[in-house]
Structure formats: C-alpha cells, structure tokens
Amino acid sequence: MSCPICGEDAAQKYRPFCSKRCADIDLAKWMNGSYAVPSMREIDPDEVAEAVEEALRAESEAPAKKPH
C-alpha cells in the first residue's frame, strides 16, 4: 500500500501513511476544510442562526468553570 500523501510505501506504525509528517499533513487538510464530506442537505440560514443562538444561550446558562 502506498501513502496517499506522497506515494511512498506505507509504514506499519503510521498506516496508511509512510510517516508522522504525512499523517499530520492529512489531518491538517481535514481541519482546514481542504477535505469535505459532501452533503445533499440544503443549509437553511434560519436553522443555522437558531442553532447558534441556542448554543450561546446554553453556554451562558452553564455554571462558570473554576480554574484549576
């Protein structure tokens, strides 16, 4: 099996990647949005706004966290 990032042979420790570097590159692509899972669902702006408001409300109503 070859590394999906650079094409080198995959290392057992980092499979399917050849190294930690290539595994980290792949993770960074997921985290910055370079990779995305397509969705057939249309985004409803009102639904998104409602979800954000609800999350903010829940956060403000949560008990304050004490520092360690």
N, C-alpha and C. Protein backbone atom coordinates (compact mmCIF):
# COMPACT_ATOMS: atom_id res chain seq x y z
N MET A 1 0.85 -1.16 0.00
CA MET A 1 0.00 0.00 0.00
C MET A 1 0.90 1.24 0.00
N SER A 2 0.54 2.22 -0.80
CA SER A 2 1.35 3.43 -0.84
C SER A 2 0.66 4.56 -0.08
N CYS A 3 1.47 5.47 0.43
CA CYS A 3 1.00 6.62 1.20
C CYS A 3 0.13 7.51 0.30
N PRO A 4 -1.06 7.88 0.75
CA PRO A 4 -1.93 8.72 -0.08
C PRO A 4 -1.41 10.16 -0.23
N ILE A 5 -0.45 10.57 0.58
CA ILE A 5 0.07 11.93 0.50
C ILE A 5 1.26 12.02 -0.45
N CYS A 6 2.27 11.14 -0.26
CA CYS A 6 3.49 11.25 -1.05
C CYS A 6 3.75 10.08 -1.99
N GLY A 7 3.03 8.98 -1.81
CA GLY A 7 3.20 7.83 -2.69
C GLY A 7 4.25 6.82 -2.24
N GLU A 8 4.98 7.09 -1.17
CA GLU A 8 5.97 6.15 -0.65
C GLU A 8 5.25 4.93 -0.05
N ASP A 9 6.01 3.89 0.24
CA ASP A 9 5.43 2.71 0.89
C ASP A 9 4.94 3.09 2.28
N ALA A 10 3.79 2.59 2.67
CA ALA A 10 3.22 2.88 3.99
C ALA A 10 4.02 2.17 5.07
N ALA A 11 4.18 2.84 6.20
CA ALA A 11 4.84 2.26 7.37
C ALA A 11 3.77 1.69 8.28
N GLN A 12 4.01 0.53 8.84
CA GLN A 12 3.03 -0.11 9.72
C GLN A 12 2.57 0.82 10.84
N LYS A 13 3.51 1.55 11.43
CA LYS A 13 3.19 2.43 12.56
C LYS A 13 2.23 3.55 12.18
N TYR A 14 2.31 4.04 10.94
CA TYR A 14 1.50 5.20 10.52
C TYR A 14 0.50 4.85 9.43
N ARG A 15 0.29 3.59 9.20
CA ARG A 15 -0.57 3.13 8.13
C ARG A 15 -1.90 3.86 8.08
N PRO A 16 -2.36 4.35 6.99
CA PRO A 16 -1.93 4.12 5.61
C PRO A 16 -0.83 5.09 5.15
N PHE A 17 -0.27 5.86 6.05
CA PHE A 17 0.75 6.84 5.68
C PHE A 17 2.14 6.25 5.86
N CYS A 18 3.14 6.95 5.32
CA CYS A 18 4.52 6.46 5.43
C CYS A 18 5.22 7.04 6.65
N SER A 19 4.70 8.14 7.19
CA SER A 19 5.38 8.80 8.31
C SER A 19 4.39 9.67 9.07
N LYS A 20 4.83 10.13 10.23
CA LYS A 20 4.01 11.05 11.03
C LYS A 20 3.78 12.34 10.25
N ARG A 21 4.79 12.77 9.51
CA ARG A 21 4.67 14.00 8.72
C ARG A 21 3.49 13.92 7.75
N CYS A 22 3.39 12.83 6.99
CA CYS A 22 2.30 12.68 6.03
C CYS A 22 0.96 12.53 6.75
N ALA A 23 0.94 11.84 7.89
CA ALA A 23 -0.29 11.73 8.66
C ALA A 23 -0.74 13.10 9.15
N ASP A 24 0.21 13.93 9.59
CA ASP A 24 -0.12 15.28 10.05
C ASP A 24 -0.59 16.17 8.91
N ILE A 25 -0.01 16.01 7.73
CA ILE A 25 -0.46 16.78 6.56
C ILE A 25 -1.91 16.44 6.25
N ASP A 26 -2.23 15.15 6.29
CA ASP A 26 -3.61 14.71 6.02
C ASP A 26 -4.57 15.27 7.07
N LEU A 27 -4.18 15.23 8.34
CA LEU A 27 -5.02 15.77 9.41
C LEU A 27 -5.25 17.26 9.21
N ALA A 28 -4.21 17.98 8.84
CA ALA A 28 -4.33 19.42 8.61
C ALA A 28 -5.30 19.72 7.47
N LYS A 29 -5.30 18.89 6.45
CA LYS A 29 -6.24 19.09 5.33
C LYS A 29 -7.68 18.93 5.79
N TRP A 30 -7.92 17.97 6.69
CA TRP A 30 -9.27 17.82 7.23
C TRP A 30 -9.65 19.02 8.09
N MET A 31 -8.71 19.46 8.91
CA MET A 31 -9.01 20.53 9.86
C MET A 31 -9.19 21.89 9.20
N ASN A 32 -8.50 22.15 8.08
CA ASN A 32 -8.65 23.46 7.45
C ASN A 32 -9.73 23.47 6.37
N GLY A 33 -10.39 22.34 6.17
CA GLY A 33 -11.51 22.30 5.24
C GLY A 33 -11.13 21.92 3.82
N SER A 34 -9.87 21.54 3.58
CA SER A 34 -9.48 21.11 2.24
C SER A 34 -10.23 19.85 1.83
N TYR A 35 -10.48 18.99 2.79
CA TYR A 35 -11.30 17.81 2.56
C TYR A 35 -12.67 18.11 3.12
N ALA A 36 -13.69 17.58 2.48
CA ALA A 36 -15.04 17.75 2.99
C ALA A 36 -15.88 16.56 2.55
N VAL A 37 -16.81 16.19 3.38
CA VAL A 37 -17.74 15.13 3.04
C VAL A 37 -18.96 15.80 2.43
N PRO A 38 -19.28 15.49 1.18
CA PRO A 38 -20.41 16.16 0.53
C PRO A 38 -21.74 15.83 1.20
N SER A 39 -22.64 16.78 1.16
CA SER A 39 -23.96 16.60 1.75
C SER A 39 -25.01 17.00 0.74
N MET A 40 -26.09 16.28 0.72
CA MET A 40 -27.20 16.61 -0.17
C MET A 40 -28.18 17.56 0.54
N ARG A 41 -27.95 17.80 1.83
CA ARG A 41 -28.85 18.63 2.61
C ARG A 41 -28.60 20.10 2.32
N GLU A 42 -29.67 20.82 2.05
CA GLU A 42 -29.55 22.26 1.84
C GLU A 42 -29.48 22.95 3.19
N ILE A 43 -28.66 23.99 3.26
CA ILE A 43 -28.49 24.73 4.51
C ILE A 43 -29.57 25.78 4.61
N ASP A 44 -30.30 25.75 5.71
CA ASP A 44 -31.33 26.74 5.99
C ASP A 44 -30.73 27.79 6.92
N PRO A 45 -30.54 29.03 6.45
CA PRO A 45 -29.92 30.06 7.28
C PRO A 45 -30.63 30.28 8.61
N ASP A 46 -31.96 30.19 8.62
CA ASP A 46 -32.71 30.36 9.86
C ASP A 46 -32.39 29.25 10.85
N GLU A 47 -32.27 28.03 10.34
CA GLU A 47 -31.94 26.89 11.20
C GLU A 47 -30.54 27.04 11.79
N VAL A 48 -29.60 27.51 11.00
CA VAL A 48 -28.24 27.72 11.48
C VAL A 48 -28.22 28.81 12.56
N ALA A 49 -28.90 29.91 12.31
CA ALA A 49 -28.96 31.01 13.28
C ALA A 49 -29.59 30.54 14.59
N GLU A 50 -30.63 29.75 14.48
CA GLU A 50 -31.31 29.22 15.67
C GLU A 50 -30.37 28.32 16.47
N ALA A 51 -29.62 27.47 15.78
CA ALA A 51 -28.69 26.56 16.45
C ALA A 51 -27.58 27.34 17.16
N VAL A 52 -27.08 28.39 16.51
CA VAL A 52 -26.03 29.22 17.13
C VAL A 52 -26.57 29.92 18.36
N GLU A 53 -27.76 30.49 18.25
CA GLU A 53 -28.37 31.17 19.40
C GLU A 53 -28.58 30.20 20.56
N GLU A 54 -29.03 29.00 20.26
CA GLU A 54 -29.26 28.00 21.29
C GLU A 54 -27.94 27.61 21.98
N ALA A 55 -26.88 27.45 21.19
CA ALA A 55 -25.58 27.09 21.76
C ALA A 55 -25.06 28.22 22.64
N LEU A 56 -25.23 29.46 22.21
CA LEU A 56 -24.77 30.60 23.02
C LEU A 56 -25.59 30.71 24.30
N ARG A 57 -26.88 30.46 24.21
CA ARG A 57 -27.74 30.51 25.39
C ARG A 57 -27.34 29.43 26.39
N ALA A 58 -27.09 28.23 25.90
CA ALA A 58 -26.69 27.12 26.76
C ALA A 58 -25.34 27.41 27.42
N GLU A 59 -24.45 28.03 26.68
CA GLU A 59 -23.13 28.37 27.22
C GLU A 59 -23.24 29.42 28.32
N SER A 60 -24.10 30.40 28.12
CA SER A 60 -24.23 31.47 29.13
C SER A 60 -24.97 30.97 30.37
N GLU A 61 -25.82 29.95 30.22
CA GLU A 61 -26.56 29.42 31.37
C GLU A 61 -25.77 28.36 32.13
N ALA A 62 -24.71 27.86 31.55
CA ALA A 62 -23.89 26.83 32.20
C ALA A 62 -23.15 27.43 33.38
N PRO A 63 -22.97 26.65 34.43
CA PRO A 63 -22.22 27.16 35.58
C PRO A 63 -20.78 27.51 35.16
N ALA A 64 -20.26 28.57 35.76
CA ALA A 64 -18.90 29.02 35.44
C ALA A 64 -17.90 27.94 35.84
N LYS A 65 -16.93 27.71 35.00
CA LYS A 65 -15.89 26.74 35.32
C LYS A 65 -14.84 27.40 36.22
N LYS A 66 -14.45 26.65 37.22
CA LYS A 66 -13.43 27.17 38.14
C LYS A 66 -12.05 26.84 37.59
N PRO A 67 -11.12 27.77 37.70
CA PRO A 67 -9.75 27.46 37.23
C PRO A 67 -9.11 26.40 38.12
N HIS A 68 -8.23 25.66 37.56
CA HIS A 68 -7.55 24.58 38.31
C HIS A 68 -6.52 25.14 39.23
